[in-house]
Amino acid sequence: MLIQTRPSDAGIAAHDRLYRSLRQQIMHGELAPGQALTLRGLAKSYGVSMTPAREALRRLVAEGALTLSSSGRVATPDLSHDRIEELATLRALIETELASRALPRAHLALIERLQAINMANAEAVVKRDAVGYIRTNLEFHRTLYLRAQAPAMLAMAETVWLQLGPTMRALYGRLTRSEPPQHHRMIIAALKAGDEPALRLAIRTDVTQGLRHIAG
């Protein structure tokens, strides 16, 4: 017997598809800081009704990925220097702990995977591809942190990344360097050596240096 899909199920699927797509766009810096979003515009772009668009926006506002003004305007975060500093501090605290927990499980296959991701990251720098840079940078960190087997802590880190996405785009979009940062190689070297203090230092430097430069 065929199971009929109820309208509510279709609505949930549409909402989840829109939510995940928009969440990824924000995290990877595809939207600029302070960029406004409208229910009508999202519904039209994704071919959905207003209800799933409203629910997706509600979830993203709750996560801090979007802001909701008193007038009802929904936009990507346009972070103050103090807020950037706060989020940089959170990254340093959470991600050094994740890296430390991942270190005992940093087998050769993981290190080789991180090296491959870092090559893609370097290619994005050469191509001046800000979104590609952010995407591969976060993939590098997520791949390492998954080995920590600390899902709640990783979810907290991703929430911070989500809030920082548009700001990261603004930062990396105006960099003039043609070579990737050295910190990923330092992270890989520390993993190979099993050197926890060096790993924590490399992670802390990597996740805070650029952000604190624009917050200063």
N, C-alpha and C. Protein backbone atom coordinates (compact mmCIF):
# COMPACT_ATOMS: atom_id res chain seq x y z
N MET A 1 0.85 -1.20 0.00
CA MET A 1 0.00 0.00 0.00
C MET A 1 0.88 1.25 0.00
N LEU A 2 0.57 2.20 -0.87
CA LEU A 2 1.35 3.42 -0.94
C LEU A 2 1.02 4.33 0.23
N ILE A 3 2.04 4.96 0.79
CA ILE A 3 1.85 5.92 1.88
C ILE A 3 1.74 7.31 1.28
N GLN A 4 0.66 7.96 1.52
CA GLN A 4 0.44 9.30 0.99
C GLN A 4 1.24 10.32 1.80
N THR A 5 1.86 11.25 1.09
CA THR A 5 2.59 12.34 1.75
C THR A 5 1.61 13.44 2.13
N ARG A 6 1.52 13.72 3.39
CA ARG A 6 0.59 14.75 3.85
C ARG A 6 1.16 16.14 3.54
N PRO A 7 0.33 17.13 3.37
CA PRO A 7 0.80 18.49 3.11
C PRO A 7 1.77 18.97 4.17
N SER A 8 1.51 18.61 5.43
CA SER A 8 2.39 19.06 6.50
C SER A 8 3.79 18.48 6.34
N ASP A 9 3.86 17.22 5.88
CA ASP A 9 5.16 16.60 5.63
C ASP A 9 5.91 17.35 4.52
N ALA A 10 5.18 17.71 3.46
CA ALA A 10 5.80 18.45 2.36
C ALA A 10 6.30 19.80 2.84
N GLY A 11 5.49 20.43 3.72
CA GLY A 11 5.90 21.73 4.26
C GLY A 11 7.16 21.63 5.09
N ILE A 12 7.24 20.56 5.89
CA ILE A 12 8.43 20.35 6.71
C ILE A 12 9.65 20.14 5.82
N ALA A 13 9.49 19.35 4.76
CA ALA A 13 10.60 19.10 3.84
C ALA A 13 11.07 20.38 3.17
N ALA A 14 10.12 21.22 2.74
CA ALA A 14 10.46 22.48 2.09
C ALA A 14 11.17 23.42 3.05
N HIS A 15 10.66 23.48 4.27
CA HIS A 15 11.28 24.33 5.28
C HIS A 15 12.70 23.87 5.58
N ASP A 16 12.90 22.56 5.71
CA ASP A 16 14.22 22.03 6.06
C ASP A 16 15.21 22.25 4.92
N ARG A 17 14.74 22.09 3.70
CA ARG A 17 15.61 22.31 2.54
C ARG A 17 16.06 23.77 2.47
N LEU A 18 15.13 24.66 2.67
CA LEU A 18 15.45 26.09 2.66
C LEU A 18 16.37 26.44 3.82
N TYR A 19 16.05 25.94 4.99
CA TYR A 19 16.87 26.20 6.18
C TYR A 19 18.31 25.76 5.97
N ARG A 20 18.50 24.54 5.51
CA ARG A 20 19.86 24.01 5.34
C ARG A 20 20.64 24.76 4.28
N SER A 21 19.96 25.09 3.18
CA SER A 21 20.64 25.82 2.11
C SER A 21 21.05 27.21 2.56
N LEU A 22 20.13 27.91 3.21
CA LEU A 22 20.42 29.28 3.65
C LEU A 22 21.47 29.27 4.76
N ARG A 23 21.39 28.30 5.64
CA ARG A 23 22.37 28.17 6.73
C ARG A 23 23.78 28.00 6.16
N GLN A 24 23.90 27.16 5.13
CA GLN A 24 25.20 26.94 4.52
C GLN A 24 25.71 28.20 3.83
N GLN A 25 24.82 28.91 3.14
CA GLN A 25 25.21 30.15 2.48
C GLN A 25 25.76 31.17 3.49
N ILE A 26 25.08 31.27 4.63
CA ILE A 26 25.51 32.23 5.65
C ILE A 26 26.85 31.80 6.24
N MET A 27 26.98 30.53 6.58
CA MET A 27 28.21 30.04 7.21
C MET A 27 29.41 30.20 6.28
N HIS A 28 29.21 30.00 4.98
CA HIS A 28 30.31 30.08 4.02
C HIS A 28 30.54 31.49 3.48
N GLY A 29 29.82 32.46 4.02
CA GLY A 29 30.06 33.84 3.63
C GLY A 29 29.52 34.22 2.27
N GLU A 30 28.49 33.52 1.81
CA GLU A 30 27.92 33.88 0.51
C GLU A 30 27.02 35.11 0.59
N LEU A 31 26.68 35.51 1.82
CA LEU A 31 25.87 36.71 2.02
C LEU A 31 26.70 37.75 2.76
N ALA A 32 26.54 38.99 2.40
CA ALA A 32 27.33 40.08 2.99
C ALA A 32 26.78 40.45 4.37
N PRO A 33 27.61 41.05 5.23
CA PRO A 33 27.11 41.52 6.53
C PRO A 33 26.00 42.55 6.34
N GLY A 34 24.93 42.42 7.12
CA GLY A 34 23.84 43.38 7.05
C GLY A 34 22.91 43.21 5.87
N GLN A 35 23.04 42.10 5.13
CA GLN A 35 22.19 41.88 3.96
C GLN A 35 20.78 41.48 4.40
N ALA A 36 19.79 42.21 3.92
CA ALA A 36 18.40 41.95 4.30
C ALA A 36 17.83 40.77 3.53
N LEU A 37 16.95 40.04 4.20
CA LEU A 37 16.25 38.91 3.59
C LEU A 37 14.75 39.11 3.80
N THR A 38 13.97 38.78 2.80
CA THR A 38 12.52 38.92 2.92
C THR A 38 11.85 37.57 2.71
N LEU A 39 10.71 37.39 3.35
CA LEU A 39 9.94 36.16 3.17
C LEU A 39 9.55 35.97 1.71
N ARG A 40 9.08 37.04 1.11
CA ARG A 40 8.64 36.96 -0.28
C ARG A 40 9.80 36.59 -1.21
N GLY A 41 10.95 37.21 -0.98
CA GLY A 41 12.10 36.93 -1.83
C GLY A 41 12.60 35.50 -1.69
N LEU A 42 12.67 35.00 -0.46
CA LEU A 42 13.11 33.63 -0.22
C LEU A 42 12.12 32.62 -0.80
N ALA A 43 10.83 32.88 -0.57
CA ALA A 43 9.81 31.97 -1.08
C ALA A 43 9.89 31.88 -2.61
N LYS A 44 10.11 33.00 -3.26
CA LYS A 44 10.21 33.01 -4.72
C LYS A 44 11.48 32.31 -5.19
N SER A 45 12.60 32.58 -4.53
CA SER A 45 13.88 31.99 -4.94
C SER A 45 13.88 30.47 -4.82
N TYR A 46 13.24 29.98 -3.77
CA TYR A 46 13.27 28.54 -3.51
C TYR A 46 12.00 27.82 -3.96
N GLY A 47 11.07 28.55 -4.51
CA GLY A 47 9.86 27.93 -5.01
C GLY A 47 9.01 27.30 -3.92
N VAL A 48 8.93 27.98 -2.77
CA VAL A 48 8.13 27.47 -1.65
C VAL A 48 7.12 28.54 -1.24
N SER A 49 6.21 28.14 -0.37
CA SER A 49 5.23 29.10 0.15
C SER A 49 5.86 29.94 1.25
N MET A 50 5.10 30.89 1.74
CA MET A 50 5.60 31.78 2.79
C MET A 50 5.82 31.05 4.12
N THR A 51 5.04 30.01 4.37
CA THR A 51 5.12 29.32 5.66
C THR A 51 6.48 28.66 5.89
N PRO A 52 7.00 27.82 4.97
CA PRO A 52 8.33 27.26 5.20
C PRO A 52 9.43 28.31 5.20
N ALA A 53 9.27 29.37 4.43
CA ALA A 53 10.26 30.44 4.43
C ALA A 53 10.29 31.12 5.80
N ARG A 54 9.11 31.35 6.37
CA ARG A 54 9.02 31.98 7.70
C ARG A 54 9.65 31.08 8.77
N GLU A 55 9.40 29.78 8.69
CA GLU A 55 9.94 28.86 9.69
C GLU A 55 11.46 28.75 9.58
N ALA A 56 11.98 28.74 8.36
CA ALA A 56 13.44 28.68 8.17
C ALA A 56 14.10 29.93 8.75
N LEU A 57 13.52 31.09 8.49
CA LEU A 57 14.07 32.33 9.04
C LEU A 57 14.00 32.34 10.56
N ARG A 58 12.89 31.84 11.10
CA ARG A 58 12.74 31.80 12.56
C ARG A 58 13.86 30.96 13.19
N ARG A 59 14.16 29.81 12.61
CA ARG A 59 15.22 28.96 13.15
C ARG A 59 16.58 29.63 13.06
N LEU A 60 16.84 30.31 11.96
CA LEU A 60 18.14 30.95 11.77
C LEU A 60 18.30 32.16 12.69
N VAL A 61 17.22 32.87 12.95
CA VAL A 61 17.28 33.97 13.92
C VAL A 61 17.58 33.41 15.30
N ALA A 62 16.95 32.29 15.65
CA ALA A 62 17.18 31.67 16.96
C ALA A 62 18.62 31.22 17.14
N GLU A 63 19.27 30.83 16.04
CA GLU A 63 20.67 30.38 16.09
C GLU A 63 21.67 31.54 16.08
N GLY A 64 21.18 32.75 15.84
CA GLY A 64 22.08 33.89 15.73
C GLY A 64 22.66 34.08 14.35
N ALA A 65 22.20 33.28 13.39
CA ALA A 65 22.69 33.40 12.01
C ALA A 65 22.10 34.63 11.34
N LEU A 66 20.92 35.04 11.80
CA LEU A 66 20.24 36.23 11.28
C LEU A 66 19.78 37.08 12.46
N THR A 67 19.60 38.35 12.20
CA THR A 67 19.10 39.26 13.24
C THR A 67 17.70 39.72 12.86
N LEU A 68 16.90 39.98 13.88
CA LEU A 68 15.54 40.47 13.70
C LEU A 68 15.41 41.79 14.43
N SER A 69 15.16 42.87 13.69
CA SER A 69 15.03 44.19 14.31
C SER A 69 13.64 44.39 14.87
N SER A 70 13.49 45.45 15.63
CA SER A 70 12.18 45.76 16.23
C SER A 70 11.14 46.07 15.16
N SER A 71 11.60 46.48 13.99
CA SER A 71 10.67 46.77 12.90
C SER A 71 10.32 45.54 12.08
N GLY A 72 10.96 44.39 12.42
CA GLY A 72 10.69 43.15 11.71
C GLY A 72 11.65 42.87 10.57
N ARG A 73 12.68 43.69 10.40
CA ARG A 73 13.66 43.47 9.33
C ARG A 73 14.59 42.32 9.71
N VAL A 74 14.73 41.37 8.80
CA VAL A 74 15.62 40.23 9.00
C VAL A 74 16.86 40.43 8.13
N ALA A 75 18.04 40.27 8.73
CA ALA A 75 19.28 40.50 7.99
C ALA A 75 20.39 39.63 8.55
N THR A 76 21.46 39.48 7.78
CA THR A 76 22.65 38.81 8.29
C THR A 76 23.33 39.72 9.31
N PRO A 77 24.07 39.14 10.26
CA PRO A 77 24.68 39.97 11.30
C PRO A 77 25.71 40.95 10.73
N ASP A 78 25.67 42.17 11.21
CA ASP A 78 26.69 43.17 10.93
C ASP A 78 27.37 43.43 12.27
N LEU A 79 28.42 42.67 12.55
CA LEU A 79 28.97 42.58 13.90
C LEU A 79 29.81 43.79 14.29
N SER A 80 29.65 44.19 15.53
CA SER A 80 30.51 45.24 16.10
C SER A 80 31.88 44.64 16.41
N HIS A 81 32.86 45.50 16.65
CA HIS A 81 34.20 45.03 17.01
C HIS A 81 34.17 44.22 18.30
N ASP A 82 33.36 44.66 19.26
CA ASP A 82 33.26 43.92 20.53
C ASP A 82 32.68 42.53 20.31
N ARG A 83 31.70 42.43 19.44
CA ARG A 83 31.08 41.13 19.17
C ARG A 83 32.06 40.21 18.44
N ILE A 84 32.83 40.75 17.51
CA ILE A 84 33.84 39.95 16.82
C ILE A 84 34.87 39.43 17.81
N GLU A 85 35.30 40.29 18.71
CA GLU A 85 36.26 39.88 19.73
C GLU A 85 35.69 38.76 20.61
N GLU A 86 34.43 38.91 20.98
CA GLU A 86 33.78 37.88 21.81
C GLU A 86 33.73 36.54 21.09
N LEU A 87 33.34 36.55 19.82
CA LEU A 87 33.24 35.31 19.06
C LEU A 87 34.61 34.70 18.79
N ALA A 88 35.62 35.55 18.59
CA ALA A 88 36.99 35.04 18.42
C ALA A 88 37.45 34.32 19.69
N THR A 89 37.11 34.89 20.83
CA THR A 89 37.46 34.26 22.11
C THR A 89 36.76 32.92 22.27
N LEU A 90 35.48 32.87 21.88
CA LEU A 90 34.74 31.61 21.94
C LEU A 90 35.38 30.56 21.04
N ARG A 91 35.76 30.96 19.83
CA ARG A 91 36.43 30.01 18.94
C ARG A 91 37.69 29.45 19.59
N ALA A 92 38.48 30.33 20.17
CA ALA A 92 39.73 29.88 20.80
C ALA A 92 39.47 28.89 21.92
N LEU A 93 38.47 29.16 22.75
CA LEU A 93 38.17 28.29 23.88
C LEU A 93 37.64 26.94 23.42
N ILE A 94 36.65 26.97 22.55
CA ILE A 94 35.98 25.73 22.14
C ILE A 94 36.87 24.88 21.24
N GLU A 95 37.52 25.52 20.27
CA GLU A 95 38.23 24.75 19.26
C GLU A 95 39.56 24.19 19.74
N THR A 96 40.22 24.87 20.68
CA THR A 96 41.43 24.26 21.23
C THR A 96 41.07 23.01 22.02
N GLU A 97 39.94 23.04 22.71
CA GLU A 97 39.50 21.84 23.45
C GLU A 97 39.12 20.71 22.49
N LEU A 98 38.42 21.04 21.42
CA LEU A 98 38.08 20.02 20.43
C LEU A 98 39.33 19.40 19.82
N ALA A 99 40.31 20.23 19.49
CA ALA A 99 41.54 19.72 18.90
C ALA A 99 42.28 18.80 19.88
N SER A 100 42.32 19.20 21.14
CA SER A 100 42.99 18.36 22.15
C SER A 100 42.32 17.00 22.27
N ARG A 101 41.01 16.99 22.23
CA ARG A 101 40.27 15.73 22.33
C ARG A 101 40.44 14.88 21.08
N ALA A 102 40.67 15.54 19.94
CA ALA A 102 40.86 14.81 18.69
C ALA A 102 42.26 14.21 18.57
N LEU A 103 43.22 14.81 19.24
CA LEU A 103 44.62 14.43 19.07
C LEU A 103 44.88 12.93 19.27
N PRO A 104 44.36 12.28 20.31
CA PRO A 104 44.64 10.85 20.47
C PRO A 104 44.09 9.98 19.34
N ARG A 105 43.16 10.51 18.55
CA ARG A 105 42.54 9.75 17.46
C ARG A 105 43.01 10.25 16.09
N ALA A 106 44.08 11.02 16.08
CA ALA A 106 44.58 11.61 14.83
C ALA A 106 45.46 10.60 14.09
N HIS A 107 44.84 9.64 13.43
CA HIS A 107 45.57 8.61 12.70
C HIS A 107 46.07 9.16 11.36
N LEU A 108 46.84 8.37 10.65
CA LEU A 108 47.46 8.80 9.41
C LEU A 108 46.43 9.21 8.35
N ALA A 109 45.34 8.44 8.26
CA ALA A 109 44.32 8.76 7.25
C ALA A 109 43.72 10.14 7.49
N LEU A 110 43.52 10.50 8.75
CA LEU A 110 43.00 11.83 9.07
C LEU A 110 43.98 12.91 8.64
N ILE A 111 45.25 12.71 8.95
CA ILE A 111 46.26 13.71 8.60
C ILE A 111 46.34 13.88 7.09
N GLU A 112 46.27 12.77 6.36
CA GLU A 112 46.30 12.85 4.89
C GLU A 112 45.07 13.59 4.36
N ARG A 113 43.92 13.37 5.00
CA ARG A 113 42.71 14.07 4.59
C ARG A 113 42.84 15.57 4.85
N LEU A 114 43.39 15.93 5.98
CA LEU A 114 43.59 17.35 6.29
C LEU A 114 44.56 18.00 5.31
N GLN A 115 45.58 17.27 4.90
CA GLN A 115 46.53 17.81 3.92
C GLN A 115 45.84 18.05 2.58
N ALA A 116 44.95 17.14 2.19
CA ALA A 116 44.23 17.30 0.92
C ALA A 116 43.30 18.51 0.99
N ILE A 117 42.61 18.67 2.10
CA ILE A 117 41.72 19.83 2.26
C ILE A 117 42.53 21.12 2.24
N ASN A 118 43.70 21.08 2.87
CA ASN A 118 44.53 22.29 2.91
C ASN A 118 45.02 22.67 1.51
N MET A 119 45.24 21.68 0.65
CA MET A 119 45.62 21.97 -0.74
C MET A 119 44.48 22.69 -1.45
N ALA A 120 43.25 22.24 -1.22
CA ALA A 120 42.09 22.91 -1.81
C ALA A 120 41.95 24.32 -1.25
N ASN A 121 42.26 24.48 0.03
CA ASN A 121 42.23 25.79 0.66
C ASN A 121 43.24 26.73 0.01
N ALA A 122 44.43 26.20 -0.26
CA ALA A 122 45.48 27.00 -0.91
C ALA A 122 45.07 27.40 -2.33
N GLU A 123 44.39 26.50 -3.04
CA GLU A 123 43.93 26.81 -4.38
C GLU A 123 42.90 27.94 -4.36
N ALA A 124 42.05 27.94 -3.34
CA ALA A 124 41.05 29.00 -3.22
C ALA A 124 41.72 30.35 -3.00
N VAL A 125 42.82 30.36 -2.24
CA VAL A 125 43.56 31.61 -2.02
C VAL A 125 44.13 32.12 -3.33
N VAL A 126 44.75 31.23 -4.10
CA VAL A 126 45.35 31.61 -5.37
C VAL A 126 44.29 32.18 -6.33
N LYS A 127 43.10 31.58 -6.30
CA LYS A 127 42.01 32.00 -7.19
C LYS A 127 41.25 33.22 -6.65
N ARG A 128 41.64 33.70 -5.46
CA ARG A 128 40.94 34.81 -4.82
C ARG A 128 39.46 34.49 -4.61
N ASP A 129 39.19 33.23 -4.25
CA ASP A 129 37.84 32.73 -4.05
C ASP A 129 37.53 32.76 -2.56
N ALA A 130 36.90 33.87 -2.10
CA ALA A 130 36.66 34.04 -0.67
C ALA A 130 35.73 32.97 -0.11
N VAL A 131 34.65 32.68 -0.83
CA VAL A 131 33.70 31.67 -0.36
C VAL A 131 34.35 30.29 -0.34
N GLY A 132 35.13 29.97 -1.37
CA GLY A 132 35.84 28.70 -1.41
C GLY A 132 36.85 28.60 -0.28
N TYR A 133 37.48 29.71 0.04
CA TYR A 133 38.44 29.73 1.15
C TYR A 133 37.74 29.43 2.47
N ILE A 134 36.63 30.12 2.72
CA ILE A 134 35.91 29.90 3.97
C ILE A 134 35.39 28.47 4.05
N ARG A 135 34.84 27.97 2.95
CA ARG A 135 34.28 26.62 2.94
C ARG A 135 35.34 25.57 3.25
N THR A 136 36.51 25.66 2.59
CA THR A 136 37.56 24.66 2.82
C THR A 136 38.22 24.86 4.18
N ASN A 137 38.27 26.09 4.64
CA ASN A 137 38.83 26.35 5.97
C ASN A 137 37.97 25.68 7.05
N LEU A 138 36.65 25.86 6.94
CA LEU A 138 35.77 25.23 7.91
C LEU A 138 35.76 23.72 7.76
N GLU A 139 35.87 23.23 6.54
CA GLU A 139 35.94 21.78 6.32
C GLU A 139 37.19 21.20 7.00
N PHE A 140 38.29 21.92 6.93
CA PHE A 140 39.53 21.49 7.60
C PHE A 140 39.30 21.34 9.10
N HIS A 141 38.72 22.37 9.70
CA HIS A 141 38.50 22.34 11.14
C HIS A 141 37.46 21.29 11.53
N ARG A 142 36.36 21.21 10.79
CA ARG A 142 35.31 20.24 11.13
C ARG A 142 35.83 18.81 11.03
N THR A 143 36.63 18.54 9.99
CA THR A 143 37.18 17.19 9.81
C THR A 143 38.03 16.79 11.01
N LEU A 144 38.83 17.71 11.51
CA LEU A 144 39.65 17.42 12.69
C LEU A 144 38.76 17.26 13.93
N TYR A 145 37.82 18.15 14.12
CA TYR A 145 37.04 18.16 15.35
C TYR A 145 36.07 16.97 15.45
N LEU A 146 35.67 16.41 14.32
CA LEU A 146 34.82 15.23 14.36
C LEU A 146 35.51 14.08 15.11
N ARG A 147 36.84 14.06 15.07
CA ARG A 147 37.57 13.02 15.77
C ARG A 147 37.53 13.20 17.28
N ALA A 148 37.10 14.35 17.74
CA ALA A 148 37.01 14.59 19.19
C ALA A 148 35.87 13.81 19.82
N GLN A 149 34.90 13.42 18.98
CA GLN A 149 33.72 12.70 19.46
C GLN A 149 33.02 13.49 20.58
N ALA A 150 32.85 14.77 20.32
CA ALA A 150 32.19 15.68 21.27
C ALA A 150 31.13 16.47 20.50
N PRO A 151 30.00 15.84 20.15
CA PRO A 151 29.02 16.48 19.27
C PRO A 151 28.42 17.77 19.81
N ALA A 152 28.20 17.85 21.11
CA ALA A 152 27.63 19.08 21.67
C ALA A 152 28.61 20.24 21.54
N MET A 153 29.88 19.97 21.77
CA MET A 153 30.89 21.01 21.66
C MET A 153 31.07 21.44 20.20
N LEU A 154 31.03 20.48 19.28
CA LEU A 154 31.14 20.81 17.86
C LEU A 154 29.94 21.63 17.40
N ALA A 155 28.77 21.32 17.90
CA ALA A 155 27.58 22.11 17.55
C ALA A 155 27.72 23.56 18.01
N MET A 156 28.33 23.75 19.19
CA MET A 156 28.58 25.11 19.67
C MET A 156 29.55 25.84 18.75
N ALA A 157 30.60 25.14 18.30
CA ALA A 157 31.57 25.75 17.39
C ALA A 157 30.89 26.15 16.08
N GLU A 158 30.02 25.29 15.57
CA GLU A 158 29.34 25.59 14.31
C GLU A 158 28.40 26.79 14.45
N THR A 159 27.80 26.95 15.62
CA THR A 159 26.95 28.11 15.85
C THR A 159 27.77 29.40 15.78
N VAL A 160 28.98 29.36 16.31
CA VAL A 160 29.87 30.53 16.23
C VAL A 160 30.27 30.78 14.78
N TRP A 161 30.62 29.72 14.05
CA TRP A 161 30.97 29.87 12.63
C TRP A 161 29.82 30.50 11.86
N LEU A 162 28.62 30.08 12.20
CA LEU A 162 27.44 30.58 11.51
C LEU A 162 27.28 32.08 11.71
N GLN A 163 27.47 32.54 12.93
CA GLN A 163 27.35 33.97 13.23
C GLN A 163 28.44 34.78 12.54
N LEU A 164 29.60 34.15 12.34
CA LEU A 164 30.76 34.86 11.77
C LEU A 164 30.82 34.82 10.25
N GLY A 165 30.00 33.98 9.61
CA GLY A 165 30.14 33.76 8.17
C GLY A 165 30.23 35.03 7.33
N PRO A 166 29.24 35.93 7.41
CA PRO A 166 29.31 37.14 6.59
C PRO A 166 30.53 38.01 6.91
N THR A 167 30.90 38.09 8.20
CA THR A 167 32.08 38.87 8.58
C THR A 167 33.35 38.25 8.02
N MET A 168 33.43 36.91 8.03
CA MET A 168 34.59 36.23 7.46
C MET A 168 34.72 36.56 5.97
N ARG A 169 33.58 36.62 5.28
CA ARG A 169 33.60 36.97 3.87
C ARG A 169 34.14 38.38 3.68
N ALA A 170 33.68 39.30 4.51
CA ALA A 170 34.14 40.68 4.41
C ALA A 170 35.64 40.77 4.66
N LEU A 171 36.14 39.95 5.59
CA LEU A 171 37.57 39.95 5.90
C LEU A 171 38.38 39.35 4.77
N TYR A 172 38.07 38.12 4.40
CA TYR A 172 38.88 37.42 3.40
C TYR A 172 38.70 38.00 2.00
N GLY A 173 37.55 38.64 1.77
CA GLY A 173 37.32 39.21 0.46
C GLY A 173 38.25 40.37 0.15
N ARG A 174 38.87 40.97 1.18
CA ARG A 174 39.76 42.09 0.91
C ARG A 174 41.23 41.78 1.22
N LEU A 175 41.53 40.51 1.49
CA LEU A 175 42.93 40.13 1.70
C LEU A 175 43.68 40.18 0.38
N THR A 176 44.95 40.52 0.46
CA THR A 176 45.76 40.62 -0.76
C THR A 176 46.78 39.50 -0.86
N ARG A 177 46.81 38.60 0.12
CA ARG A 177 47.81 37.54 0.09
C ARG A 177 47.56 36.57 -1.05
N SER A 178 48.64 35.96 -1.55
CA SER A 178 48.53 34.96 -2.61
C SER A 178 48.92 33.58 -2.10
N GLU A 179 49.27 33.48 -0.82
CA GLU A 179 49.60 32.20 -0.21
C GLU A 179 48.70 31.97 1.00
N PRO A 180 48.35 30.70 1.26
CA PRO A 180 47.48 30.42 2.42
C PRO A 180 48.22 30.67 3.73
N PRO A 181 47.50 30.88 4.82
CA PRO A 181 48.14 31.05 6.11
C PRO A 181 48.95 29.82 6.49
N GLN A 182 49.93 30.01 7.33
CA GLN A 182 50.82 28.92 7.73
C GLN A 182 50.20 28.05 8.83
N HIS A 183 49.13 28.51 9.45
CA HIS A 183 48.67 27.85 10.67
C HIS A 183 48.16 26.43 10.44
N HIS A 184 47.56 26.17 9.27
CA HIS A 184 47.09 24.81 9.03
C HIS A 184 48.26 23.83 8.97
N ARG A 185 49.35 24.26 8.38
CA ARG A 185 50.53 23.39 8.34
C ARG A 185 51.09 23.17 9.74
N MET A 186 51.00 24.20 10.57
CA MET A 186 51.42 24.05 11.96
C MET A 186 50.53 23.07 12.72
N ILE A 187 49.24 23.12 12.42
CA ILE A 187 48.29 22.19 13.04
C ILE A 187 48.62 20.76 12.63
N ILE A 188 48.86 20.55 11.34
CA ILE A 188 49.18 19.21 10.84
C ILE A 188 50.49 18.70 11.45
N ALA A 189 51.49 19.57 11.54
CA ALA A 189 52.77 19.18 12.12
C ALA A 189 52.61 18.77 13.59
N ALA A 190 51.78 19.51 14.33
CA ALA A 190 51.55 19.19 15.74
C ALA A 190 50.82 17.86 15.88
N LEU A 191 49.88 17.59 14.98
CA LEU A 191 49.17 16.31 15.00
C LEU A 191 50.13 15.16 14.74
N LYS A 192 51.01 15.33 13.76
CA LYS A 192 51.99 14.28 13.44
C LYS A 192 52.90 14.01 14.62
N ALA A 193 53.29 15.08 15.32
CA ALA A 193 54.22 14.95 16.44
C ALA A 193 53.52 14.54 17.74
N GLY A 194 52.19 14.59 17.75
CA GLY A 194 51.47 14.30 18.98
C GLY A 194 51.72 15.35 20.06
N ASP A 195 51.96 16.59 19.60
CA ASP A 195 52.35 17.68 20.51
C ASP A 195 51.11 18.52 20.85
N GLU A 196 50.50 18.25 22.00
CA GLU A 196 49.27 18.95 22.36
C GLU A 196 49.47 20.45 22.59
N PRO A 197 50.50 20.89 23.32
CA PRO A 197 50.67 22.34 23.48
C PRO A 197 50.84 23.07 22.15
N ALA A 198 51.61 22.49 21.24
CA ALA A 198 51.81 23.10 19.92
C ALA A 198 50.50 23.12 19.13
N LEU A 199 49.71 22.07 19.27
CA LEU A 199 48.43 21.99 18.57
C LEU A 199 47.47 23.06 19.08
N ARG A 200 47.39 23.21 20.39
CA ARG A 200 46.50 24.21 20.97
C ARG A 200 46.92 25.62 20.55
N LEU A 201 48.21 25.88 20.52
CA LEU A 201 48.71 27.19 20.11
C LEU A 201 48.39 27.46 18.64
N ALA A 202 48.59 26.45 17.79
CA ALA A 202 48.34 26.62 16.36
C ALA A 202 46.86 26.87 16.09
N ILE A 203 45.99 26.13 16.78
CA ILE A 203 44.55 26.31 16.62
C ILE A 203 44.14 27.71 17.10
N ARG A 204 44.61 28.09 18.27
CA ARG A 204 44.24 29.39 18.84
C ARG A 204 44.66 30.53 17.91
N THR A 205 45.87 30.44 17.39
CA THR A 205 46.37 31.48 16.49
C THR A 205 45.57 31.51 15.20
N ASP A 206 45.27 30.33 14.67
CA ASP A 206 44.56 30.24 13.40
C ASP A 206 43.16 30.84 13.48
N VAL A 207 42.45 30.55 14.57
CA VAL A 207 41.04 30.96 14.63
C VAL A 207 40.83 32.38 15.12
N THR A 208 41.87 33.01 15.63
CA THR A 208 41.69 34.36 16.19
C THR A 208 42.44 35.45 15.44
N GLN A 209 43.52 35.11 14.76
CA GLN A 209 44.39 36.16 14.23
C GLN A 209 43.68 37.11 13.27
N GLY A 210 43.01 36.53 12.25
CA GLY A 210 42.34 37.39 11.26
C GLY A 210 41.19 38.18 11.87
N LEU A 211 40.40 37.51 12.72
CA LEU A 211 39.25 38.20 13.32
C LEU A 211 39.68 39.33 14.22
N ARG A 212 40.72 39.11 15.00
CA ARG A 212 41.15 40.16 15.92
C ARG A 212 41.83 41.30 15.18
N HIS A 213 42.31 41.02 13.99
CA HIS A 213 42.90 42.08 13.17
C HIS A 213 41.84 43.11 12.80
N ILE A 214 40.64 42.61 12.41
CA ILE A 214 39.60 43.58 12.01
C ILE A 214 38.83 44.10 13.22
N ALA A 215 38.95 43.41 14.37
CA ALA A 215 38.27 43.90 15.57
C ALA A 215 39.08 44.94 16.30
N GLY A 216 40.39 45.00 15.98
CA GLY A 216 41.26 45.90 16.70
C GLY A 216 41.12 47.35 16.27
